[in-house]
């Protein structure tokens, strides 16, 4: 009898646990923000980091565009390279509108609280519905895939005639925005353990050893899959015998070559503002490559010796970046709002004065339908374009913010431009 009562008690406890879990679903993934950094104008801000999907924080502003509300959430486990952040939210007083999305600003920060990504103003193409709910997710990427994410700041502004209230359920890290890493050694001079710079272990590094007083050391890392033109190339470096300082950065030169061996970009004389400091003596230096029809073949990092100081420099890797799709990321639910990307579509200049140009030269020949709306959602231009080439837009438009929707079959892309 005693044993039967014990079994019954266990069964009741199990049933209670199952019932509690079904009524209060918990987020167990390690990639959810779990630190409340700060808040202003937020009700129950701790609900955004409690791993409970049934409750939420409410950001609220009064009527008037000068009012604002801010919520900053952090991760106790800082994101790794090639991750993006996704915010799960819902309008608190009615259906989600373009006006509400336009008031939202998201910013990303690394472990040193340095801003590594920001977007002001969103539209419906930026949002994806969480299946089975009335909630949405918006994804924001850092400036490039070599940057880590430690916190996200959400800010909403007031509306001219309505109180603005947004429910914040959680923020999560998701895979995405990948980079292409160096795969082989092309050339080296005064380098030890060169192959460590192309190792799968991201803790490995090669070491540049320039001679004392004069001379240099360099390492060329080649891409197995060449990145396209017009993207950032990041050199992932680390302190050797000298801590990171202005004198050290002045001695570093980063050069990018195309697949034919021609120099397409080079930068030397870096300063502290150019370095993305990652901690642990590691830092990134970025080189922008110009637009064109070439492919990036390799990158060279070179360091000259410092007078009276034995100088070494660690080289961890080189990364060529590719475009990030704003809506599609691992771990983010998709819906009919989720789109594929016309990744190589270019819109320039932005901001612009007389007109902007849509450039289809680097994507497959196709038929494209273009719809341009203003900030209020009013259609100001519509046209159809066929084949590879370019087209001028918004020549007669007034000064303001515009959204360009380009569709071709199942592919849809929306870009935001500003006319000054």
Protein backbone atom coordinates (compact mmCIF):
# COMPACT_ATOMS: atom_id res chain seq x y z
CA UNK A 1 0.00 0.00 0.00
CA UNK A 2 2.85 2.36 0.93
CA UNK A 3 4.54 1.65 -2.41
CA UNK A 4 1.31 2.35 -4.29
CA UNK A 5 0.94 5.70 -2.52
CA UNK A 6 4.53 6.60 -3.41
CA UNK A 7 3.91 5.78 -7.08
CA UNK A 8 0.71 7.82 -7.03
CA UNK A 9 2.60 10.75 -5.54
CA UNK A 10 5.25 10.53 -8.24
CA UNK A 11 2.57 10.42 -10.93
CA UNK A 12 0.87 13.51 -9.48
CA UNK A 13 4.17 15.38 -9.39
CA UNK A 14 4.90 14.42 -13.00
CA UNK A 15 1.42 15.49 -14.08
CA UNK A 16 1.84 18.80 -12.24
CA UNK A 17 5.18 19.41 -13.96
CA UNK A 18 3.74 18.63 -17.38
CA UNK A 19 0.72 20.85 -16.76
CA UNK A 20 2.88 23.72 -15.50
CA UNK A 21 5.16 23.44 -18.48
CA UNK A 22 2.30 23.51 -20.95
CA UNK A 23 0.82 26.60 -19.27
CA UNK A 24 4.13 28.43 -18.96
CA UNK A 25 6.39 27.52 -21.90
CA UNK A 26 10.04 28.24 -21.20
CA UNK A 27 12.81 29.22 -23.57
CA UNK A 28 15.77 26.96 -22.88
CA UNK A 29 17.99 27.91 -25.80
CA UNK A 30 21.28 29.53 -24.74
CA UNK A 31 21.01 32.14 -27.44
CA UNK A 32 18.25 34.19 -25.75
CA UNK A 33 19.08 37.51 -24.08
CA UNK A 34 19.09 37.03 -20.30
CA UNK A 35 20.38 40.36 -18.93
CA UNK A 36 18.36 43.53 -18.44
CA UNK A 37 20.94 46.26 -19.08
CA UNK A 38 18.69 49.32 -18.78
CA UNK A 39 15.21 50.59 -19.55
CA UNK A 40 13.28 53.85 -19.83
CA UNK A 41 9.54 54.15 -20.32
CA UNK A 42 9.07 50.36 -20.08
CA UNK A 43 6.56 48.38 -18.02
CA UNK A 44 7.84 45.06 -16.62
CA UNK A 45 11.18 45.23 -18.49
CA UNK A 46 12.39 42.06 -16.76
CA UNK A 47 9.80 40.05 -18.71
CA UNK A 48 11.91 40.45 -21.85
CA UNK A 49 14.76 38.42 -20.31
CA UNK A 50 12.95 35.86 -18.12
CA UNK A 51 12.83 33.12 -20.80
CA UNK A 52 9.03 32.94 -20.48
CA UNK A 53 7.21 33.23 -23.81
CA UNK A 54 3.85 33.92 -22.18
CA UNK A 55 4.77 37.36 -20.83
CA UNK A 56 6.36 40.47 -22.23
CA UNK A 57 7.71 43.91 -21.47
CA UNK A 58 5.75 46.90 -22.80
CA UNK A 59 7.55 49.88 -24.27
CA UNK A 60 5.27 52.91 -24.31
CA UNK A 61 5.41 56.53 -25.43
CA UNK A 62 2.86 59.30 -25.09
CA UNK A 63 1.42 61.19 -28.04
CA UNK A 64 4.10 63.31 -29.65
CA UNK A 65 7.11 62.45 -31.78
CA UNK A 66 9.55 63.87 -29.21
CA UNK A 67 8.68 61.13 -26.70
CA UNK A 68 10.66 57.89 -26.67
CA UNK A 69 11.13 54.59 -24.82
CA UNK A 70 14.34 52.55 -24.60
CA UNK A 71 15.10 48.96 -23.63
CA UNK A 72 18.57 47.39 -23.72
CA UNK A 73 18.99 43.61 -23.38
CA UNK A 74 22.21 41.65 -23.06
CA UNK A 75 23.56 38.12 -23.42
CA UNK A 76 25.60 36.48 -20.65
CA UNK A 77 27.06 34.28 -23.41
CA UNK A 78 28.31 36.73 -26.03
CA UNK A 79 27.48 35.78 -29.61
CA UNK A 80 30.10 34.20 -31.82
CA UNK A 81 31.11 35.31 -35.30
CA UNK A 82 28.50 35.10 -38.06
CA UNK A 83 25.49 35.55 -35.78
CA UNK A 84 22.69 38.09 -36.04
CA UNK A 85 20.06 39.24 -33.55
CA UNK A 86 16.30 38.70 -33.83
CA UNK A 87 13.72 40.65 -31.81
CA UNK A 88 10.29 39.12 -31.13
CA UNK A 89 7.62 41.76 -30.61
CA UNK A 90 3.95 42.70 -31.07
CA UNK A 91 1.96 45.92 -31.22
CA UNK A 92 0.19 46.41 -27.89
CA UNK A 93 -2.77 48.48 -29.06
CA UNK A 94 -3.98 47.17 -32.38
CA UNK A 95 -2.58 45.77 -35.58
CA UNK A 96 1.03 46.40 -36.48
CA UNK A 97 1.29 49.44 -38.73
CA UNK A 98 3.97 50.98 -40.90
CA UNK A 99 3.92 54.09 -38.68
CA UNK A 100 4.82 51.98 -35.65
CA UNK A 101 7.61 50.15 -37.50
CA UNK A 102 9.02 53.45 -38.68
CA UNK A 103 9.48 54.66 -35.11
CA UNK A 104 11.64 51.68 -34.14
CA UNK A 105 15.44 51.80 -33.94
CA UNK A 106 17.61 48.76 -33.19
CA UNK A 107 21.30 48.93 -32.33
CA UNK A 108 23.81 46.15 -31.60
CA UNK A 109 26.81 46.37 -29.27
CA UNK A 110 29.85 44.17 -28.67
CA UNK A 111 31.32 43.15 -25.29
CA UNK A 112 33.11 46.52 -25.06
CA UNK A 113 29.76 48.32 -25.56
CA UNK A 114 30.92 49.52 -28.96
CA UNK A 115 28.12 49.87 -31.50
CA UNK A 116 28.54 47.24 -34.23
CA UNK A 117 25.23 47.60 -36.05
CA UNK A 118 22.22 49.90 -36.27
CA UNK A 119 19.02 50.34 -38.26
CA UNK A 120 16.54 53.20 -37.93
CA UNK A 121 13.03 52.70 -39.24
CA UNK A 122 11.60 49.43 -40.56
CA UNK A 123 8.83 48.39 -42.93
CA UNK A 124 6.75 45.24 -43.42
CA UNK A 125 9.38 43.58 -45.59
CA UNK A 126 11.72 43.57 -42.58
CA UNK A 127 9.29 41.59 -40.41
CA UNK A 128 8.37 37.91 -40.42
CA UNK A 129 5.36 36.45 -38.62
CA UNK A 130 5.96 33.93 -35.84
CA UNK A 131 3.84 31.05 -37.09
CA UNK A 132 0.67 30.40 -35.12
CA UNK A 133 0.80 33.78 -33.34
CA UNK A 134 0.17 37.47 -33.96
CA UNK A 135 3.79 38.25 -33.10
CA UNK A 136 6.60 39.30 -35.43
CA UNK A 137 10.34 38.98 -35.59
CA UNK A 138 12.80 41.46 -37.01
CA UNK A 139 16.39 40.54 -37.66
CA UNK A 140 19.31 42.96 -37.49
CA UNK A 141 22.85 42.12 -38.53
CA UNK A 142 26.12 43.64 -37.38
CA UNK A 143 28.10 45.66 -39.91
CA UNK A 144 29.83 42.47 -40.97
CA UNK A 145 30.18 38.84 -39.90
CA UNK A 146 33.46 39.20 -37.98
CA UNK A 147 31.74 41.21 -35.23
CA UNK A 148 30.27 39.69 -32.06
CA UNK A 149 26.99 40.69 -30.40
CA UNK A 150 26.73 41.21 -26.63
CA UNK A 151 23.62 43.43 -26.34
CA UNK A 152 20.78 45.00 -28.29
CA UNK A 153 19.09 48.36 -27.69
CA UNK A 154 15.48 48.87 -28.75
CA UNK A 155 14.12 52.39 -29.03
CA UNK A 156 10.68 53.58 -30.14
CA UNK A 157 9.56 57.15 -30.71
CA UNK A 158 6.12 58.59 -30.13
CA UNK A 159 3.53 58.96 -32.87
CA UNK A 160 2.06 62.31 -33.86
CA UNK A 161 -1.52 61.41 -32.96
CA UNK A 162 -1.42 58.05 -31.15
CA UNK A 163 0.16 56.52 -28.09
CA UNK A 164 2.82 54.04 -29.24
CA UNK A 165 3.06 50.74 -27.33
CA UNK A 166 5.15 47.73 -28.31
CA UNK A 167 5.30 44.35 -26.55
CA UNK A 168 8.83 42.89 -26.35
CA UNK A 169 8.90 39.14 -25.79
CA UNK A 170 12.60 38.33 -26.23
CA UNK A 171 15.73 38.85 -28.27
CA UNK A 172 17.73 35.92 -29.63
CA UNK A 173 20.90 35.23 -31.56
CA UNK A 174 20.62 33.31 -34.81
CA UNK A 175 23.03 32.04 -37.43
CA UNK A 176 23.36 34.13 -40.52
CA UNK A 177 25.45 36.71 -42.34
CA UNK A 178 28.27 34.21 -43.01
CA UNK A 179 31.70 35.15 -44.24
CA UNK A 180 34.08 33.38 -46.63
CA UNK A 181 37.35 32.52 -44.91
CA UNK A 182 40.82 32.20 -46.32
CA UNK A 183 41.61 28.65 -47.39
CA UNK A 184 45.26 28.60 -48.50
CA UNK A 185 48.62 30.34 -48.12
CA UNK A 186 49.61 32.27 -51.26
CA UNK A 187 52.85 33.90 -50.07
CA UNK A 188 54.74 34.58 -46.86
CA UNK A 189 57.85 36.37 -45.61
CA UNK A 190 59.23 36.26 -42.07
CA UNK A 191 56.24 34.25 -40.81
CA UNK A 192 56.10 31.41 -38.31
CA UNK A 193 53.28 28.82 -38.26
CA UNK A 194 51.67 30.29 -41.38
CA UNK A 195 49.20 27.41 -41.77
CA UNK A 196 47.62 28.28 -38.42
CA UNK A 197 45.97 31.25 -40.14
CA UNK A 198 43.88 28.85 -42.25
CA UNK A 199 43.24 26.35 -39.47
CA UNK A 200 39.70 25.33 -38.58
CA UNK A 201 40.55 26.14 -34.97
CA UNK A 202 39.86 29.85 -34.56
CA UNK A 203 42.27 29.97 -31.61
CA UNK A 204 45.25 29.20 -33.86
CA UNK A 205 47.32 32.01 -35.31
CA UNK A 206 50.33 32.66 -37.51
CA UNK A 207 52.96 35.15 -36.36
CA UNK A 208 54.57 37.89 -38.41
CA UNK A 209 58.18 38.49 -37.30
CA UNK A 210 59.65 41.61 -38.95
CA UNK A 211 63.35 42.22 -38.34
CA UNK A 212 64.32 44.70 -35.65
CA UNK A 213 64.82 48.31 -36.87
CA UNK A 214 64.12 47.67 -40.56
CA UNK A 215 62.48 45.22 -42.94
CA UNK A 216 59.00 43.73 -42.87
CA UNK A 217 56.93 40.56 -42.67
CA UNK A 218 53.83 39.67 -44.65
CA UNK A 219 51.33 36.86 -45.16
CA UNK A 220 49.02 36.37 -48.14
CA UNK A 221 45.84 34.36 -47.50
CA UNK A 222 43.85 33.22 -50.54
CA UNK A 223 40.13 32.48 -50.80
CA UNK A 224 39.09 29.05 -52.06
CA UNK A 225 35.67 30.52 -52.96
CA UNK A 226 36.38 34.09 -54.11
CA UNK A 227 34.04 36.76 -52.65
CA UNK A 228 32.41 39.23 -55.03
CA UNK A 229 33.50 42.84 -55.48
CA UNK A 230 32.23 45.70 -53.38
CA UNK A 231 32.26 43.96 -50.00
CA UNK A 232 34.38 44.33 -46.88
CA UNK A 233 37.43 42.15 -46.34
CA UNK A 234 38.31 41.73 -42.68
CA UNK A 235 41.77 40.89 -41.38
CA UNK A 236 41.50 39.16 -38.00
CA UNK A 237 44.64 40.01 -36.07
CA UNK A 238 46.07 39.91 -32.56
CA UNK A 239 48.68 41.53 -30.36
CA UNK A 240 52.10 39.92 -30.36
CA UNK A 241 55.00 41.37 -28.39
CA UNK A 242 53.46 44.86 -28.50
CA UNK A 243 50.04 45.81 -27.13
CA UNK A 244 47.57 47.47 -29.47
CA UNK A 245 48.51 51.13 -29.88
CA UNK A 246 48.65 53.84 -32.53
CA UNK A 247 52.32 53.20 -33.38
CA UNK A 248 51.64 49.52 -34.04
CA UNK A 249 48.61 50.24 -36.25
CA UNK A 250 50.59 52.79 -38.25
CA UNK A 251 52.99 50.01 -39.28
CA UNK A 252 50.28 47.66 -40.60
CA UNK A 253 49.23 47.54 -44.26
CA UNK A 254 46.29 45.46 -45.51
CA UNK A 255 46.02 44.87 -49.27
CA UNK A 256 43.32 43.08 -51.27
CA UNK A 257 43.95 41.50 -54.70
CA UNK A 258 41.55 40.19 -57.31
CA UNK A 259 41.82 36.68 -58.75
CA UNK A 260 44.15 37.99 -61.48
CA UNK A 261 46.60 39.36 -58.92
CA UNK A 262 45.71 43.03 -59.36
CA UNK A 263 45.51 45.29 -56.30
CA UNK A 264 41.89 46.41 -55.85
CA UNK A 265 42.16 48.01 -52.39
CA UNK A 266 44.90 48.82 -49.90
CA UNK A 267 44.98 50.62 -46.59
CA UNK A 268 47.88 51.54 -44.34
CA UNK A 269 48.41 53.93 -41.47
CA UNK A 270 45.46 52.63 -39.43
CA UNK A 271 44.55 54.34 -36.16
CA UNK A 272 42.73 53.18 -33.05
CA UNK A 273 39.35 54.24 -34.43
CA UNK A 274 39.80 51.75 -37.33
CA UNK A 275 40.28 48.73 -35.07
CA UNK A 276 37.33 46.64 -33.89
CA UNK A 277 38.69 45.50 -30.52
CA UNK A 278 37.39 42.04 -29.58
CA UNK A 279 39.17 41.51 -26.28
CA UNK A 280 41.91 39.06 -25.40
CA UNK A 281 44.36 41.02 -27.52
CA UNK A 282 42.40 40.37 -30.73
CA UNK A 283 41.18 43.02 -33.14
CA UNK A 284 39.82 43.34 -36.67
CA UNK A 285 40.86 45.70 -39.45
CA UNK A 286 38.48 46.21 -42.39
CA UNK A 287 39.27 47.10 -45.99
CA UNK A 288 36.46 48.16 -48.33
CA UNK A 289 36.66 46.92 -51.92
CA UNK A 290 35.21 48.94 -54.82
CA UNK A 291 32.26 47.79 -56.90
CA UNK A 292 33.07 45.98 -60.14
CA UNK A 293 32.87 42.71 -62.04
CA UNK A 294 35.98 41.14 -60.46
CA UNK A 295 36.26 38.61 -57.63
CA UNK A 296 38.48 38.91 -54.57
CA UNK A 297 41.33 36.41 -54.71
CA UNK A 298 43.48 37.06 -51.65
CA UNK A 299 44.51 39.51 -48.97
CA UNK A 300 47.92 40.45 -47.64
CA UNK A 301 48.67 41.73 -44.14
CA UNK A 302 52.08 43.35 -43.79
CA UNK A 303 53.86 44.86 -40.80
CA UNK A 304 57.08 46.84 -40.70
CA UNK A 305 59.44 46.72 -37.75
CA UNK A 306 59.26 49.34 -35.01
CA UNK A 307 62.40 51.26 -34.11
CA UNK A 308 64.12 49.82 -31.02
CA UNK A 309 61.22 47.44 -30.37
CA UNK A 310 60.99 43.77 -31.31
CA UNK A 311 57.55 43.59 -32.91
CA UNK A 312 55.38 40.60 -33.77
CA UNK A 313 51.79 40.46 -35.01
CA UNK A 314 49.36 37.54 -34.81
CA UNK A 315 47.22 36.65 -37.83
CA UNK A 316 44.15 34.53 -37.10
CA UNK A 317 42.22 34.65 -40.35
CA UNK A 318 40.92 36.69 -43.26
CA UNK A 319 37.18 36.98 -44.00
CA UNK A 320 35.43 38.12 -47.16
CA UNK A 321 31.86 39.18 -46.49
CA UNK A 322 28.71 38.41 -48.43
CA UNK A 323 25.29 40.13 -48.24
CA UNK A 324 22.93 39.21 -45.42
CA UNK A 325 19.28 38.57 -46.20
CA UNK A 326 17.26 40.75 -43.84
CA UNK A 327 14.42 38.25 -43.37
CA UNK A 328 15.80 34.71 -43.54
CA UNK A 329 17.87 33.31 -40.66
CA UNK A 330 18.18 29.97 -38.92
CA UNK A 331 15.83 29.82 -35.95
CA UNK A 332 13.49 32.56 -37.20
CA UNK A 333 10.01 31.45 -38.19
CA UNK A 334 9.08 32.36 -41.74
CA UNK A 335 5.76 33.27 -43.27
CA UNK A 336 4.33 34.88 -46.34
CA UNK A 337 6.32 38.00 -45.38
CA UNK A 338 9.61 36.13 -45.62
CA UNK A 339 11.36 36.72 -48.93
CA UNK A 340 14.35 35.65 -50.91
CA UNK A 341 17.03 38.23 -51.65
CA UNK A 342 18.14 39.79 -54.90
CA UNK A 343 21.53 39.94 -53.23
CA UNK A 344 23.52 41.76 -55.92
CA UNK A 345 20.94 44.47 -56.59
CA UNK A 346 22.51 47.91 -56.08
CA UNK A 347 20.78 51.21 -55.26
CA UNK A 348 22.92 54.35 -55.33
CA UNK A 349 23.63 57.00 -54.28
CA UNK A 350 21.85 56.84 -50.94
CA UNK A 351 21.01 59.46 -49.76
CA UNK A 352 20.59 61.22 -53.14
CA UNK A 353 19.61 64.62 -54.51
CA UNK A 354 18.50 64.50 -58.16
CA UNK A 355 17.72 60.79 -58.62
CA UNK A 356 18.73 57.30 -57.50
CA UNK A 357 19.84 54.42 -59.73
CA UNK A 358 18.70 50.80 -59.55
CA UNK A 359 21.51 48.64 -60.93
CA UNK A 360 20.66 45.14 -62.20
CA UNK A 361 23.98 44.58 -63.98
CA UNK A 362 25.32 41.94 -61.60
CA UNK A 363 22.23 39.72 -61.37
CA UNK A 364 20.63 37.28 -63.80
CA UNK A 365 18.57 38.63 -66.69
CA UNK A 366 14.91 38.69 -65.73
CA UNK A 367 11.74 40.75 -65.60
CA UNK A 368 11.38 42.99 -62.55
CA UNK A 369 8.36 44.85 -61.21
CA UNK A 370 9.27 47.98 -59.25
CA UNK A 371 6.90 49.65 -56.77
CA UNK A 372 8.03 52.72 -54.84
CA UNK A 373 6.08 54.04 -51.85
CA UNK A 374 6.57 57.00 -49.56
CA UNK A 375 6.71 56.88 -45.76
CA UNK A 376 2.89 56.91 -45.53
CA UNK A 377 2.59 53.90 -47.87
CA UNK A 378 1.39 55.88 -50.89
CA UNK A 379 2.61 54.54 -54.24
CA UNK A 380 4.66 57.21 -56.05
CA UNK A 381 6.17 55.15 -58.90
CA UNK A 382 5.54 51.82 -60.61
CA UNK A 383 7.34 50.36 -63.57
CA UNK A 384 8.56 47.12 -65.14
CA UNK A 385 12.18 46.54 -66.11
CA UNK A 386 13.63 43.69 -68.20
CA UNK A 387 17.16 42.36 -68.52
CA UNK A 388 20.46 43.41 -67.00
CA UNK A 389 21.11 47.13 -66.81
CA UNK A 390 20.17 50.15 -64.72
CA UNK A 391 17.24 52.53 -64.35
CA UNK A 392 16.81 56.00 -62.82
CA UNK A 393 14.12 56.40 -60.17
CA UNK A 394 12.50 59.17 -58.08
CA UNK A 395 13.60 61.97 -60.41
CA UNK A 396 10.37 63.93 -59.79
CA UNK A 397 9.91 62.94 -56.15
CA UNK A 398 9.88 65.37 -53.26
CA UNK A 399 12.43 65.31 -50.45
CA UNK A 400 11.71 62.43 -48.06
CA UNK A 401 12.03 58.72 -47.26
CA UNK A 402 11.00 56.11 -49.86
CA UNK A 403 10.72 52.32 -50.00
CA UNK A 404 11.58 50.50 -53.22
CA UNK A 405 10.05 47.04 -53.65
CA UNK A 406 11.56 44.97 -56.47
CA UNK A 407 9.92 41.63 -57.30
CA UNK A 408 10.82 38.96 -59.82
CA UNK A 409 8.90 35.69 -59.57
CA UNK A 410 9.32 34.44 -55.99
CA UNK A 411 12.14 36.87 -55.28
CA UNK A 412 11.33 40.11 -53.48
CA UNK A 413 13.63 42.80 -52.17
CA UNK A 414 12.78 46.09 -50.42
CA UNK A 415 15.27 48.93 -50.05
CA UNK A 416 14.98 52.20 -48.16
CA UNK A 417 16.33 55.41 -49.77
CA UNK A 418 16.39 59.04 -48.73
CA UNK A 419 16.05 62.06 -51.04
CA UNK A 420 17.70 65.20 -49.69
